[in-house]
Amino acid sequence: MLTPQAANPEAASSSLGAQTTAPRAPLLHLYVDETGSRHPDRKPPQAGHGYDWFAIGGILINAEEEEAAKQLYADFLKRWPQVQHPLHLTDIRAEKKGFAWLGRLSDEERSRFLLDLRTFLGNVPVAGTACVIDRPGYYERGYAKRYGDEKWKLCRSAFDIVVERAAKYAKLNGRRLKVFYERADPVTDAQIEGYFQNLKTNGLGFDTGTSAKYAPFSAADFGETLVGIEGKDKRNKMMQVADSYVYSIARGSYDRKFDFFRRIFEKGRLVTTQVDIALAPTLGIKRYCFDLVDAARTNKKGRD
């Protein structure tokens, strides 16, 4: 669980000697990755679980707690030297690519690995966060049918929501926010960094009437809280944890019994459970456009 920390004064030196600067708030780091198809009008391959989402999210971690998290990761690797590729939950569960070796383990050993991985993810000192969008619900609302500037990509909606909520969380705890994302290709990277700069300069672009209940951050708030954005390779340890978290949260948004989601939830590693219940709707994990999913679930309960 993240622990709030008061800001500490910093000293700056100059040619005239040491001078004390104004106190600067410590940093909160947001590591984000994405899962699912970011194109609202493109049908993705049918997944075995049957859900169709796009999500951006990952982990929030106090900058000074990263070394402890990395040590937990290193300890996990010592126990499993077979892991030679970045942790990727989809490949791990499918036992493919860099994790095809899992298929050659005994049932007992494979279960032991998955339990150890869940335990590691439940022990890292982070807060899991995400914006999970149900793609059929997004299309049903008509967002994908808009044109020009009105037709937002799923990634912009999700990115803006996640960063805005993380910035609120940072300010609540007397911190500034730095964002890290997994690098993809030059076009996608420029797009993500453009979203960030737009938030920092102009604030959110959502309709003010419909978003007022979420107490949106102002452009001034963003300018004061956001420090910068930096791309990271998928081999980055914290980015691998973020990858596992965003997939777990996305899958858990449909199925709360999903084993990885259940572990991080029970260990109190979701931002929704780390804030006051009154703040959860504006700082917690966001399920977006789940009208169809929730209606189907309600109808099923009514038939049972």
C-alpha atoms as a PDB file:
ATOM      1  CA  MET A   1       0.000   0.000   0.000  1.00  0.00           C
ATOM      2  CA  LEU A   2       1.291   3.433  -0.834  1.00  0.00           C
ATOM      3  CA  THR A   3       2.279   5.539   2.141  1.00  0.00           C
ATOM      4  CA  PRO A   4       1.850   9.352   2.066  1.00  0.00           C
ATOM      5  CA  GLN A   5       4.984  11.367   2.711  1.00  0.00           C
ATOM      6  CA  ALA A   6       5.302  15.061   3.405  1.00  0.00           C
ATOM      7  CA  ALA A   7       7.395  17.185   1.093  1.00  0.00           C
ATOM      8  CA  ASN A   8      11.033  17.802   2.091  1.00  0.00           C
ATOM      9  CA  PRO A   9      13.002  20.994   1.401  1.00  0.00           C
ATOM     10  CA  GLU A  10      15.776  20.739  -1.166  1.00  0.00           C
ATOM     11  CA  ALA A  11      18.986  22.711  -1.256  1.00  0.00           C
ATOM     12  CA  ALA A  12      20.357  24.352  -4.378  1.00  0.00           C
ATOM     13  CA  SER A  13      23.839  25.742  -4.854  1.00  0.00           C
ATOM     14  CA  SER A  14      24.961  28.733  -6.882  1.00  0.00           C
ATOM     15  CA  SER A  15      28.150  30.718  -7.464  1.00  0.00           C
ATOM     16  CA  LEU A  16      27.191  32.812  -4.454  1.00  0.00           C
ATOM     17  CA  GLY A  17      27.049  29.725  -2.193  1.00  0.00           C
ATOM     18  CA  ALA A  18      24.324  27.350  -1.081  1.00  0.00           C
ATOM     19  CA  GLN A  19      20.816  28.747  -1.189  1.00  0.00           C
ATOM     20  CA  THR A  20      17.644  27.080   0.058  1.00  0.00           C
ATOM     21  CA  THR A  21      14.885  26.712  -2.499  1.00  0.00           C
ATOM     22  CA  ALA A  22      11.181  26.413  -1.811  1.00  0.00           C
ATOM     23  CA  PRO A  23      10.120  22.903  -0.715  1.00  0.00           C
ATOM     24  CA  ARG A  24       9.232  20.612  -3.598  1.00  0.00           C
ATOM     25  CA  ALA A  25       6.766  17.789  -3.252  1.00  0.00           C
ATOM     26  CA  PRO A  26       8.162  14.254  -3.635  1.00  0.00           C
ATOM     27  CA  LEU A  27       7.335  12.228  -6.715  1.00  0.00           C
ATOM     28  CA  LEU A  28       4.645   9.666  -7.370  1.00  0.00           C
ATOM     29  CA  HIS A  29       5.342   7.492 -10.420  1.00  0.00           C
ATOM     30  CA  LEU A  30       2.608   6.218 -12.730  1.00  0.00           C
ATOM     31  CA  TYR A  31       3.623   3.294 -14.957  1.00  0.00           C
ATOM     32  CA  VAL A  32       1.072   2.607 -17.691  1.00  0.00           C
ATOM     33  CA  ASP A  33       0.654  -0.047 -20.336  1.00  0.00           C
ATOM     34  CA  GLU A  34      -2.295  -1.007 -22.500  1.00  0.00           C
ATOM     35  CA  THR A  35      -4.235  -4.174 -23.208  1.00  0.00           C
ATOM     36  CA  GLY A  36      -6.819  -4.913 -25.890  1.00  0.00           C
ATOM     37  CA  SER A  37      -7.538  -3.227 -29.222  1.00  0.00           C
ATOM     38  CA  ARG A  38      -7.368   0.571 -29.239  1.00  0.00           C
ATOM     39  CA  HIS A  39      -9.477   0.867 -32.431  1.00  0.00           C
ATOM     40  CA  PRO A  40     -13.199   1.190 -31.597  1.00  0.00           C
ATOM     41  CA  ASP A  41     -14.389   0.075 -35.025  1.00  0.00           C
ATOM     42  CA  ARG A  42     -11.984  -2.834 -35.531  1.00  0.00           C
ATOM     43  CA  LYS A  43     -12.946  -6.324 -34.403  1.00  0.00           C
ATOM     44  CA  PRO A  44     -10.102  -7.948 -32.444  1.00  0.00           C
ATOM     45  CA  PRO A  45      -9.390 -11.693 -32.488  1.00  0.00           C
ATOM     46  CA  GLN A  46     -11.826 -13.566 -30.250  1.00  0.00           C
ATOM     47  CA  ALA A  47     -10.178 -14.223 -26.894  1.00  0.00           C
ATOM     48  CA  GLY A  48     -10.782 -17.449 -25.024  1.00  0.00           C
ATOM     49  CA  HIS A  49     -12.386 -15.583 -22.113  1.00  0.00           C
ATOM     50  CA  GLY A  50     -14.921 -13.966 -24.462  1.00  0.00           C
ATOM     51  CA  TYR A  51     -14.470 -10.379 -23.226  1.00  0.00           C
ATOM     52  CA  ASP A  52     -13.712  -7.429 -25.495  1.00  0.00           C
ATOM     53  CA  TRP A  53     -11.939  -4.539 -23.786  1.00  0.00           C
ATOM     54  CA  PHE A  54      -9.396  -1.820 -24.218  1.00  0.00           C
ATOM     55  CA  ALA A  55      -7.618  -0.571 -21.126  1.00  0.00           C
ATOM     56  CA  ILE A  56      -4.765   1.703 -20.148  1.00  0.00           C
ATOM     57  CA  GLY A  57      -3.438   1.420 -16.649  1.00  0.00           C
ATOM     58  CA  GLY A  58      -0.835  -0.103 -14.426  1.00  0.00           C
ATOM     59  CA  ILE A  59       0.630   0.989 -11.109  1.00  0.00           C
ATOM     60  CA  LEU A  60       1.196   4.007  -8.906  1.00  0.00           C
ATOM     61  CA  ILE A  61       4.295   3.845  -6.723  1.00  0.00           C
ATOM     62  CA  ASN A  62       6.085   6.360  -4.536  1.00  0.00           C
ATOM     63  CA  ALA A  63       9.466   7.074  -6.134  1.00  0.00           C
ATOM     64  CA  GLU A  64      11.382   6.187  -2.974  1.00  0.00           C
ATOM     65  CA  GLU A  65       9.703   2.741  -2.798  1.00  0.00           C
ATOM     66  CA  GLU A  66      10.810   1.558  -6.224  1.00  0.00           C
ATOM     67  CA  GLU A  67      14.009  -0.059  -4.982  1.00  0.00           C
ATOM     68  CA  ALA A  68      12.057  -2.250  -2.565  1.00  0.00           C
ATOM     69  CA  ALA A  69       9.721  -3.290  -5.395  1.00  0.00           C
ATOM     70  CA  LYS A  70      12.664  -4.104  -7.665  1.00  0.00           C
ATOM     71  CA  GLN A  71      14.206  -6.243  -4.941  1.00  0.00           C
ATOM     72  CA  LEU A  72      10.986  -8.267  -4.694  1.00  0.00           C
ATOM     73  CA  TYR A  73      11.196  -8.776  -8.460  1.00  0.00           C
ATOM     74  CA  ALA A  74      14.852  -9.850  -8.207  1.00  0.00           C
ATOM     75  CA  ASP A  75      13.973 -12.319  -5.442  1.00  0.00           C
ATOM     76  CA  PHE A  76      11.226 -13.780  -7.644  1.00  0.00           C
ATOM     77  CA  LEU A  77      13.690 -14.264 -10.516  1.00  0.00           C
ATOM     78  CA  LYS A  78      16.137 -16.040  -8.202  1.00  0.00           C
ATOM     79  CA  ARG A  79      13.432 -18.572  -7.428  1.00  0.00           C
ATOM     80  CA  TRP A  80      12.558 -18.946 -11.115  1.00  0.00           C
ATOM     81  CA  PRO A  81      15.740 -18.684 -13.237  1.00  0.00           C
ATOM     82  CA  GLN A  82      13.746 -20.084 -16.166  1.00  0.00           C
ATOM     83  CA  VAL A  83      12.225 -16.619 -16.624  1.00  0.00           C
ATOM     84  CA  GLN A  84      14.339 -15.122 -19.409  1.00  0.00           C
ATOM     85  CA  HIS A  85      11.738 -12.802 -20.946  1.00  0.00           C
ATOM     86  CA  PRO A  86       9.758  -9.831 -19.606  1.00  0.00           C
ATOM     87  CA  LEU A  87       6.710 -10.856 -17.589  1.00  0.00           C
ATOM     88  CA  HIS A  88       3.674 -10.776 -19.866  1.00  0.00           C
ATOM     89  CA  LEU A  89       0.557 -12.224 -18.302  1.00  0.00           C
ATOM     90  CA  THR A  90      -1.119 -13.134 -21.590  1.00  0.00           C
ATOM     91  CA  ASP A  91       1.886 -15.201 -22.704  1.00  0.00           C
ATOM     92  CA  ILE A  92       2.295 -16.700 -19.236  1.00  0.00           C
ATOM     93  CA  ARG A  93      -1.291 -17.929 -19.070  1.00  0.00           C
ATOM     94  CA  ALA A  94      -1.174 -19.192 -22.673  1.00  0.00           C
ATOM     95  CA  GLU A  95       2.244 -20.833 -22.088  1.00  0.00           C
ATOM     96  CA  LYS A  96       3.559 -19.427 -25.351  1.00  0.00           C
ATOM     97  CA  LYS A  97       6.518 -17.448 -26.703  1.00  0.00           C
ATOM     98  CA  GLY A  98       9.015 -16.802 -23.902  1.00  0.00           C
ATOM     99  CA  PHE A  99       6.899 -18.796 -21.463  1.00  0.00           C
ATOM    100  CA  ALA A 100       6.373 -21.947 -23.524  1.00  0.00           C
ATOM    101  CA  TRP A 101       8.556 -23.720 -20.930  1.00  0.00           C
ATOM    102  CA  LEU A 102       5.639 -23.566 -18.490  1.00  0.00           C
ATOM    103  CA  GLY A 103       3.909 -26.218 -20.576  1.00  0.00           C
ATOM    104  CA  ARG A 104       6.754 -28.611 -19.879  1.00  0.00           C
ATOM    105  CA  LEU A 105       6.428 -28.322 -16.103  1.00  0.00           C
ATOM    106  CA  SER A 106       4.434 -30.729 -13.985  1.00  0.00           C
ATOM    107  CA  ASP A 107       1.005 -29.529 -12.890  1.00  0.00           C
ATOM    108  CA  GLU A 108       2.365 -29.071  -9.385  1.00  0.00           C
ATOM    109  CA  GLU A 109       5.353 -26.982 -10.503  1.00  0.00           C
ATOM    110  CA  ARG A 110       3.251 -24.859 -12.862  1.00  0.00           C
ATOM    111  CA  SER A 111       0.761 -24.163 -10.077  1.00  0.00           C
ATOM    112  CA  ARG A 112       3.634 -23.260  -7.760  1.00  0.00           C
ATOM    113  CA  PHE A 113       5.002 -20.769 -10.306  1.00  0.00           C
ATOM    114  CA  LEU A 114       1.626 -19.083 -10.811  1.00  0.00           C
ATOM    115  CA  LEU A 115       1.044 -18.891  -7.056  1.00  0.00           C
ATOM    116  CA  ASP A 116       4.491 -17.363  -6.548  1.00  0.00           C
ATOM    117  CA  LEU A 117       3.825 -14.820  -9.303  1.00  0.00           C
ATOM    118  CA  ARG A 118       0.492 -13.842  -7.774  1.00  0.00           C
ATOM    119  CA  THR A 119       2.141 -13.543  -4.368  1.00  0.00           C
ATOM    120  CA  PHE A 120       4.870 -11.284  -5.789  1.00  0.00           C
ATOM    121  CA  LEU A 121       2.327  -9.045  -7.508  1.00  0.00           C
ATOM    122  CA  GLY A 122       0.279  -8.842  -4.315  1.00  0.00           C
ATOM    123  CA  ASN A 123       3.304  -7.811  -2.249  1.00  0.00           C
ATOM    124  CA  VAL A 124       4.725  -4.950  -4.326  1.00  0.00           C
ATOM    125  CA  PRO A 125       4.101  -1.550  -2.625  1.00  0.00           C
ATOM    126  CA  VAL A 126       1.859  -0.122  -5.351  1.00  0.00           C
ATOM    127  CA  ALA A 127      -1.683   0.964  -6.121  1.00  0.00           C
ATOM    128  CA  GLY A 128      -3.177  -0.606  -9.236  1.00  0.00           C
ATOM    129  CA  THR A 129      -5.085   1.790 -11.464  1.00  0.00           C
ATOM    130  CA  ALA A 130      -6.730   1.680 -14.884  1.00  0.00           C
ATOM    131  CA  CYS A 131      -9.470   2.874 -17.162  1.00  0.00           C
ATOM    132  CA  VAL A 132     -11.142  -0.192 -18.657  1.00  0.00           C
ATOM    133  CA  ILE A 133     -13.430   0.392 -21.640  1.00  0.00           C
ATOM    134  CA  ASP A 134     -15.884  -2.204 -22.877  1.00  0.00           C
ATOM    135  CA  ARG A 135     -15.460  -1.859 -26.642  1.00  0.00           C
ATOM    136  CA  PRO A 136     -18.990  -3.010 -27.650  1.00  0.00           C
ATOM    137  CA  GLY A 137     -20.423  -0.567 -25.104  1.00  0.00           C
ATOM    138  CA  TYR A 138     -18.212   2.235 -26.427  1.00  0.00           C
ATOM    139  CA  TYR A 139     -19.466   1.581 -29.941  1.00  0.00           C
ATOM    140  CA  GLU A 140     -23.080   1.306 -28.765  1.00  0.00           C
ATOM    141  CA  ARG A 141     -22.905   4.781 -27.215  1.00  0.00           C
ATOM    142  CA  GLY A 142     -21.974   6.149 -30.617  1.00  0.00           C
ATOM    143  CA  TYR A 143     -18.502   7.398 -29.767  1.00  0.00           C
ATOM    144  CA  ALA A 144     -16.918   5.388 -32.570  1.00  0.00           C
ATOM    145  CA  LYS A 145     -19.354   6.833 -35.122  1.00  0.00           C
ATOM    146  CA  ARG A 146     -18.213  10.409 -34.671  1.00  0.00           C
ATOM    147  CA  TYR A 147     -15.918  12.087 -37.166  1.00  0.00           C
ATOM    148  CA  GLY A 148     -12.895  14.348 -37.066  1.00  0.00           C
ATOM    149  CA  ASP A 149     -12.016  15.769 -33.656  1.00  0.00           C
ATOM    150  CA  GLU A 150     -15.239  14.324 -32.220  1.00  0.00           C
ATOM    151  CA  LYS A 151     -14.088  10.742 -32.887  1.00  0.00           C
ATOM    152  CA  TRP A 152     -11.691  10.146 -30.028  1.00  0.00           C
ATOM    153  CA  LYS A 153      -9.611   7.034 -30.066  1.00  0.00           C
ATOM    154  CA  LEU A 154     -10.077   4.663 -27.163  1.00  0.00           C
ATOM    155  CA  CYS A 155      -6.497   5.309 -26.097  1.00  0.00           C
ATOM    156  CA  ARG A 156      -7.022   9.053 -25.646  1.00  0.00           C
ATOM    157  CA  SER A 157     -10.124   8.578 -23.499  1.00  0.00           C
ATOM    158  CA  ALA A 158      -8.444   5.944 -21.333  1.00  0.00           C
ATOM    159  CA  PHE A 159      -5.116   7.765 -21.041  1.00  0.00           C
ATOM    160  CA  ASP A 160      -6.706  11.063 -20.023  1.00  0.00           C
ATOM    161  CA  ILE A 161      -8.877   9.404 -17.384  1.00  0.00           C
ATOM    162  CA  VAL A 162      -6.024   7.391 -15.846  1.00  0.00           C
ATOM    163  CA  VAL A 163      -3.582  10.305 -15.730  1.00  0.00           C
ATOM    164  CA  GLU A 164      -6.183  12.711 -14.374  1.00  0.00           C
ATOM    165  CA  ARG A 165      -7.118  10.350 -11.535  1.00  0.00           C
ATOM    166  CA  ALA A 166      -3.461   9.653 -10.793  1.00  0.00           C
ATOM    167  CA  ALA A 167      -2.762  13.399 -10.667  1.00  0.00           C
ATOM    168  CA  LYS A 168      -5.606  13.870  -8.184  1.00  0.00           C
ATOM    169  CA  TYR A 169      -4.190  11.032  -6.079  1.00  0.00           C
ATOM    170  CA  ALA A 170      -0.734  12.610  -6.182  1.00  0.00           C
ATOM    171  CA  LYS A 171      -2.036  16.019  -5.117  1.00  0.00           C
ATOM    172  CA  LEU A 172      -4.096  14.439  -2.330  1.00  0.00           C
ATOM    173  CA  ASN A 173      -0.881  12.935  -0.940  1.00  0.00           C
ATOM    174  CA  GLY A 174       1.247  16.060  -1.384  1.00  0.00           C
ATOM    175  CA  ARG A 175       3.147  14.708  -4.397  1.00  0.00           C
ATOM    176  CA  ARG A 176       3.907  15.531  -7.997  1.00  0.00           C
ATOM    177  CA  LEU A 177       3.295  12.971 -10.746  1.00  0.00           C
ATOM    178  CA  LYS A 178       5.660  11.590 -13.367  1.00  0.00           C
ATOM    179  CA  VAL A 179       4.282   9.234 -16.020  1.00  0.00           C
ATOM    180  CA  PHE A 180       6.115   6.327 -17.611  1.00  0.00           C
ATOM    181  CA  TYR A 181       4.710   4.403 -20.573  1.00  0.00           C
ATOM    182  CA  GLU A 182       5.873   1.370 -22.547  1.00  0.00           C
ATOM    183  CA  ARG A 183       7.442   2.453 -25.818  1.00  0.00           C
ATOM    184  CA  ALA A 184       5.886   1.001 -28.977  1.00  0.00           C
ATOM    185  CA  ASP A 185       6.708   2.780 -32.249  1.00  0.00           C
ATOM    186  CA  PRO A 186       7.534   6.418 -33.052  1.00  0.00           C
ATOM    187  CA  VAL A 187       3.978   7.273 -34.139  1.00  0.00           C
ATOM    188  CA  THR A 188       2.290   5.717 -31.100  1.00  0.00           C
ATOM    189  CA  ASP A 189       4.892   7.137 -28.715  1.00  0.00           C
ATOM    190  CA  ALA A 190       4.404  10.642 -30.120  1.00  0.00           C
ATOM    191  CA  GLN A 191       0.654  10.210 -29.764  1.00  0.00           C
ATOM    192  CA  ILE A 192       0.874   9.256 -26.080  1.00  0.00           C
ATOM    193  CA  GLU A 193       3.281  12.081 -25.302  1.00  0.00           C
ATOM    194  CA  GLY A 194       0.973  14.446 -27.170  1.00  0.00           C
ATOM    195  CA  TYR A 195      -1.944  13.408 -24.961  1.00  0.00           C
ATOM    196  CA  PHE A 196       0.196  14.139 -21.901  1.00  0.00           C
ATOM    197  CA  GLN A 197       1.318  17.565 -23.104  1.00  0.00           C
ATOM    198  CA  ASN A 198      -2.253  18.470 -23.996  1.00  0.00           C
ATOM    199  CA  LEU A 199      -3.404  17.597 -20.467  1.00  0.00           C
ATOM    200  CA  LYS A 200      -0.578  19.608 -18.935  1.00  0.00           C
ATOM    201  CA  THR A 201      -1.338  22.639 -21.100  1.00  0.00           C
ATOM    202  CA  ASN A 202      -5.082  22.543 -21.749  1.00  0.00           C
ATOM    203  CA  GLY A 203      -6.572  20.115 -19.247  1.00  0.00           C
ATOM    204  CA  LEU A 204      -9.302  17.601 -20.020  1.00  0.00           C
ATOM    205  CA  GLY A 205     -11.330  17.807 -23.198  1.00  0.00           C
ATOM    206  CA  PHE A 206     -14.416  15.958 -21.952  1.00  0.00           C
ATOM    207  CA  ASP A 207     -17.835  17.590 -22.000  1.00  0.00           C
ATOM    208  CA  THR A 208     -17.974  19.785 -18.885  1.00  0.00           C
ATOM    209  CA  GLY A 209     -21.659  19.082 -18.341  1.00  0.00           C
ATOM    210  CA  THR A 210     -21.410  15.300 -18.242  1.00  0.00           C
ATOM    211  CA  SER A 211     -18.064  15.184 -16.437  1.00  0.00           C
ATOM    212  CA  ALA A 212     -18.832  17.706 -13.681  1.00  0.00           C
ATOM    213  CA  LYS A 213     -19.814  14.943 -11.210  1.00  0.00           C
ATOM    214  CA  TYR A 214     -16.247  13.600 -11.398  1.00  0.00           C
ATOM    215  CA  ALA A 215     -14.767  16.920 -10.160  1.00  0.00           C
ATOM    216  CA  PRO A 216     -12.310  17.183 -13.088  1.00  0.00           C
ATOM    217  CA  PHE A 217      -8.834  18.629 -12.632  1.00  0.00           C
ATOM    218  CA  SER A 218      -8.286  22.066 -14.158  1.00  0.00           C
ATOM    219  CA  ALA A 219      -5.467  22.909 -16.549  1.00  0.00           C
ATOM    220  CA  ALA A 220      -3.816  24.800 -13.687  1.00  0.00           C
ATOM    221  CA  ASP A 221      -4.017  21.708 -11.478  1.00  0.00           C
ATOM    222  CA  PHE A 222      -2.397  19.622 -14.199  1.00  0.00           C
ATOM    223  CA  GLY A 223       0.319  22.205 -14.728  1.00  0.00           C
ATOM    224  CA  GLU A 224       1.220  22.178 -11.041  1.00  0.00           C
ATOM    225  CA  THR A 225       1.072  18.400 -10.552  1.00  0.00           C
ATOM    226  CA  LEU A 226       2.413  16.816 -13.743  1.00  0.00           C
ATOM    227  CA  VAL A 227       6.204  16.714 -13.954  1.00  0.00           C
ATOM    228  CA  GLY A 228       6.902  14.885 -17.191  1.00  0.00           C
ATOM    229  CA  ILE A 229       6.509  11.729 -19.239  1.00  0.00           C
ATOM    230  CA  GLU A 230       9.100   9.149 -20.276  1.00  0.00           C
ATOM    231  CA  GLY A 231       9.005   6.033 -22.441  1.00  0.00           C
ATOM    232  CA  LYS A 232      10.417   2.791 -21.079  1.00  0.00           C
ATOM    233  CA  ASP A 233      11.403  -0.517 -22.641  1.00  0.00           C
ATOM    234  CA  LYS A 234       9.221  -3.548 -21.857  1.00  0.00           C
ATOM    235  CA  ARG A 235      12.196  -5.008 -19.968  1.00  0.00           C
ATOM    236  CA  ASN A 236      11.841  -2.304 -17.320  1.00  0.00           C
ATOM    237  CA  LYS A 237      10.917  -4.045 -14.058  1.00  0.00           C
ATOM    238  CA  MET A 238       8.169  -1.637 -13.033  1.00  0.00           C
ATOM    239  CA  MET A 239       6.717  -1.689 -16.530  1.00  0.00           C
ATOM    240  CA  GLN A 240       6.425  -5.472 -16.306  1.00  0.00           C
ATOM    241  CA  VAL A 241       4.506  -5.130 -13.053  1.00  0.00           C
ATOM    242  CA  ALA A 242       2.278  -2.522 -14.728  1.00  0.00           C
ATOM    243  CA  ASP A 243       1.607  -4.938 -17.606  1.00  0.00           C
ATOM    244  CA  SER A 244       0.475  -7.638 -15.183  1.00  0.00           C
ATOM    245  CA  TYR A 245      -1.691  -5.191 -13.247  1.00  0.00           C
ATOM    246  CA  VAL A 246      -3.520  -3.650 -16.195  1.00  0.00           C
ATOM    247  CA  TYR A 247      -4.386  -7.068 -17.634  1.00  0.00           C
ATOM    248  CA  SER A 248      -5.538  -8.315 -14.222  1.00  0.00           C
ATOM    249  CA  ILE A 249      -7.690  -5.228 -13.654  1.00  0.00           C
ATOM    250  CA  ALA A 250      -9.192  -5.380 -17.159  1.00  0.00           C
ATOM    251  CA  ARG A 251     -10.081  -9.056 -16.814  1.00  0.00           C
ATOM    252  CA  GLY A 252     -11.288  -8.513 -13.254  1.00  0.00           C
ATOM    253  CA  SER A 253     -13.652  -5.788 -14.451  1.00  0.00           C
ATOM    254  CA  TYR A 254     -15.696  -8.596 -15.998  1.00  0.00           C
ATOM    255  CA  ASP A 255     -14.786 -11.489 -13.707  1.00  0.00           C
ATOM    256  CA  ARG A 256     -13.892 -10.625 -10.109  1.00  0.00           C
ATOM    257  CA  LYS A 257     -12.944 -14.263  -9.509  1.00  0.00           C
ATOM    258  CA  PHE A 258     -10.042 -14.067 -11.977  1.00  0.00           C
ATOM    259  CA  ASP A 259      -7.151 -15.381  -9.877  1.00  0.00           C
ATOM    260  CA  PHE A 260      -4.639 -12.571 -10.468  1.00  0.00           C
ATOM    261  CA  PHE A 261      -7.223  -9.844  -9.945  1.00  0.00           C
ATOM    262  CA  ARG A 262      -8.484 -11.560  -6.835  1.00  0.00           C
ATOM    263  CA  ARG A 263      -4.999 -11.682  -5.311  1.00  0.00           C
ATOM    264  CA  ILE A 264      -4.178  -7.995  -5.795  1.00  0.00           C
ATOM    265  CA  PHE A 265      -7.666  -7.027  -4.641  1.00  0.00           C
ATOM    266  CA  GLU A 266      -7.447  -9.118  -1.476  1.00  0.00           C
ATOM    267  CA  LYS A 267      -3.997  -7.669  -0.726  1.00  0.00           C
ATOM    268  CA  GLY A 268      -5.402  -4.133  -0.930  1.00  0.00           C
ATOM    269  CA  ARG A 269      -3.338  -3.230  -4.001  1.00  0.00           C
ATOM    270  CA  LEU A 270      -6.054  -1.375  -5.938  1.00  0.00           C
ATOM    271  CA  VAL A 271      -6.222   2.411  -5.762  1.00  0.00           C
ATOM    272  CA  THR A 272      -9.993   2.158  -5.314  1.00  0.00           C
ATOM    273  CA  THR A 273      -9.508   0.520  -1.921  1.00  0.00           C
ATOM    274  CA  GLN A 274      -6.613   2.766  -0.870  1.00  0.00           C
ATOM    275  CA  VAL A 275      -8.636   5.986  -0.888  1.00  0.00           C
ATOM    276  CA  ASP A 276     -11.577   7.098   1.202  1.00  0.00           C
ATOM    277  CA  ILE A 277     -14.782   5.495  -0.058  1.00  0.00           C
ATOM    278  CA  ALA A 278     -16.160   8.951  -0.894  1.00  0.00           C
ATOM    279  CA  LEU A 279     -13.214   9.546  -3.264  1.00  0.00           C
ATOM    280  CA  ALA A 280     -13.342   6.166  -5.011  1.00  0.00           C
ATOM    281  CA  PRO A 281     -15.689   7.373  -7.803  1.00  0.00           C
ATOM    282  CA  THR A 282     -13.234  10.124  -8.818  1.00  0.00           C
ATOM    283  CA  LEU A 283      -9.849   8.593  -7.946  1.00  0.00           C
ATOM    284  CA  GLY A 284     -10.456   4.868  -8.273  1.00  0.00           C
ATOM    285  CA  ILE A 285     -10.394   2.450 -11.194  1.00  0.00           C
ATOM    286  CA  LYS A 286     -12.762   3.493 -13.973  1.00  0.00           C
ATOM    287  CA  ARG A 287     -15.072   1.025 -15.731  1.00  0.00           C
ATOM    288  CA  TYR A 288     -16.194   2.875 -18.855  1.00  0.00           C
ATOM    289  CA  CYS A 289     -19.130   2.005 -21.141  1.00  0.00           C
ATOM    290  CA  PHE A 290     -20.029  -1.204 -19.270  1.00  0.00           C
ATOM    291  CA  ASP A 291     -23.778  -0.642 -19.736  1.00  0.00           C
ATOM    292  CA  LEU A 292     -24.250  -3.758 -21.893  1.00  0.00           C
ATOM    293  CA  VAL A 293     -22.144  -5.942 -19.608  1.00  0.00           C
ATOM    294  CA  ASP A 294     -23.914  -4.823 -16.434  1.00  0.00           C
ATOM    295  CA  ALA A 295     -27.356  -5.136 -18.030  1.00  0.00           C
ATOM    296  CA  ALA A 296     -26.585  -8.685 -19.180  1.00  0.00           C
ATOM    297  CA  ARG A 297     -25.380  -9.576 -15.685  1.00  0.00           C
ATOM    298  CA  THR A 298     -28.551  -8.136 -14.111  1.00  0.00           C
ATOM    299  CA  ASN A 299     -30.749 -10.078 -16.540  1.00  0.00           C
ATOM    300  CA  LYS A 300     -28.863 -13.284 -15.788  1.00  0.00           C
ATOM    301  CA  LYS A 301     -29.366 -12.846 -12.045  1.00  0.00           C
ATOM    302  CA  GLY A 302     -33.063 -12.247 -12.672  1.00  0.00           C
ATOM    303  CA  ARG A 303     -33.365 -15.562 -14.527  1.00  0.00           C
ATOM    304  CA  ASP A 304     -31.452 -17.545 -11.889  1.00  0.00           C
END
